[in-house]
């Protein structure tokens, strides 16, 4: 026998959604002598309309997100990499929220 179940959850009352609270836990599934636990994690707020990646130079001398060359410097020109023996680029990025720097944020 197969059954489909769609669990739903409600975040605890009193959470400040501007702080992007994370809720987690587990769901017990029991059928006869079989018992399972399924873990879950989720954001108790909406990211719709939020800037997720920092595009400023607030923490660096250059704008993020940026590809870094093999010397760890921002890549400014097209570059070929061998992807062997350390010859590969790196991606430097930072998650951000408009609330990170307070009400006078420079994020646009």
Protein backbone atom coordinates (compact mmCIF):
# COMPACT_ATOMS: atom_id res chain seq x y z
CA UNK A 1 0.00 0.00 0.00
CA UNK A 2 1.25 3.48 -0.87
CA UNK A 3 0.07 6.72 0.66
CA UNK A 4 1.03 10.25 -0.22
CA UNK A 5 1.27 12.75 2.62
CA UNK A 6 2.02 16.45 2.33
CA UNK A 7 3.24 17.82 5.67
CA UNK A 8 2.95 21.51 6.45
CA UNK A 9 4.48 23.54 9.24
CA UNK A 10 3.93 26.85 10.96
CA UNK A 11 6.81 28.90 12.31
CA UNK A 12 6.75 29.67 16.05
CA UNK A 13 4.98 32.89 17.00
CA UNK A 14 7.00 36.01 17.73
CA UNK A 15 9.82 35.50 15.21
CA UNK A 16 11.27 38.64 13.63
CA UNK A 17 11.15 37.85 9.92
CA UNK A 18 13.59 40.71 9.22
CA UNK A 19 16.24 38.59 10.98
CA UNK A 20 15.54 35.64 8.62
CA UNK A 21 14.99 32.98 11.31
CA UNK A 22 15.74 29.37 10.43
CA UNK A 23 13.47 26.62 11.77
CA UNK A 24 14.35 22.95 11.83
CA UNK A 25 13.21 19.68 13.27
CA UNK A 26 12.10 16.27 12.17
CA UNK A 27 8.97 14.39 11.20
CA UNK A 28 8.32 10.93 12.63
CA UNK A 29 6.86 8.47 10.14
CA UNK A 30 5.48 5.24 11.59
CA UNK A 31 3.86 2.39 9.71
CA UNK A 32 3.30 -0.86 11.53
CA UNK A 33 6.67 -1.90 12.95
CA UNK A 34 8.65 0.54 10.76
CA UNK A 35 9.73 3.93 12.12
CA UNK A 36 11.51 6.68 10.22
CA UNK A 37 12.61 10.22 10.98
CA UNK A 38 12.83 12.78 8.20
CA UNK A 39 14.67 15.98 9.06
CA UNK A 40 13.77 19.39 7.67
CA UNK A 41 15.17 22.89 7.73
CA UNK A 42 13.62 26.05 6.36
CA UNK A 43 13.63 29.79 6.41
CA UNK A 44 10.71 31.32 8.30
CA UNK A 45 10.65 34.37 6.03
CA UNK A 46 10.44 35.24 2.37
CA UNK A 47 13.47 36.01 0.21
CA UNK A 48 11.27 37.20 -2.64
CA UNK A 49 12.39 40.70 -3.48
CA UNK A 50 15.52 40.44 -1.29
CA UNK A 51 19.03 40.98 -2.57
CA UNK A 52 20.83 37.74 -1.79
CA UNK A 53 24.37 38.39 -3.04
CA UNK A 54 26.48 41.38 -2.02
CA UNK A 55 27.43 43.47 -5.06
CA UNK A 56 29.31 46.19 -3.18
CA UNK A 57 32.92 46.85 -2.27
CA UNK A 58 31.92 47.30 1.40
CA UNK A 59 34.39 44.65 2.65
CA UNK A 60 36.86 44.48 -0.25
CA UNK A 61 38.71 46.91 -2.48
CA UNK A 62 36.64 45.61 -5.40
CA UNK A 63 33.01 44.82 -6.11
CA UNK A 64 31.66 41.38 -5.33
CA UNK A 65 30.94 38.80 -6.72
CA UNK A 66 34.35 38.36 -8.34
CA UNK A 67 36.47 35.71 -9.98
CA UNK A 68 39.94 35.55 -8.46
CA UNK A 69 42.93 34.49 -10.54
CA UNK A 70 45.58 32.00 -9.40
CA UNK A 71 47.32 34.77 -7.41
CA UNK A 72 44.09 35.54 -5.55
CA UNK A 73 43.56 38.86 -7.30
CA UNK A 74 40.34 39.91 -9.07
CA UNK A 75 40.35 38.71 -12.65
CA UNK A 76 39.85 41.71 -14.96
CA UNK A 77 40.67 40.22 -18.37
CA UNK A 78 39.55 37.00 -20.06
CA UNK A 79 41.85 34.24 -18.87
CA UNK A 80 42.35 30.58 -19.82
CA UNK A 81 42.92 28.08 -17.01
CA UNK A 82 44.25 24.53 -17.19
CA UNK A 83 42.25 23.40 -14.12
CA UNK A 84 45.28 21.38 -13.02
CA UNK A 85 48.09 21.92 -10.51
CA UNK A 86 46.38 24.93 -8.94
CA UNK A 87 45.76 26.72 -12.25
CA UNK A 88 42.10 27.52 -11.69
CA UNK A 89 40.00 30.55 -10.75
CA UNK A 90 38.07 30.99 -7.53
CA UNK A 91 34.70 32.66 -7.03
CA UNK A 92 34.50 35.16 -4.18
CA UNK A 93 30.96 35.98 -3.11
CA UNK A 94 29.09 36.96 0.00
CA UNK A 95 25.49 36.56 1.01
CA UNK A 96 23.85 39.71 2.22
CA UNK A 97 20.61 41.19 3.41
CA UNK A 98 19.57 44.80 3.14
CA UNK A 99 19.37 44.68 6.94
CA UNK A 100 23.07 43.76 7.30
CA UNK A 101 24.42 47.32 7.39
CA UNK A 102 21.45 48.96 9.06
CA UNK A 103 19.06 51.60 7.71
CA UNK A 104 21.80 53.56 5.87
CA UNK A 105 22.81 50.63 3.72
CA UNK A 106 24.66 51.36 0.49
CA UNK A 107 23.11 48.28 -1.14
CA UNK A 108 20.86 49.03 -4.07
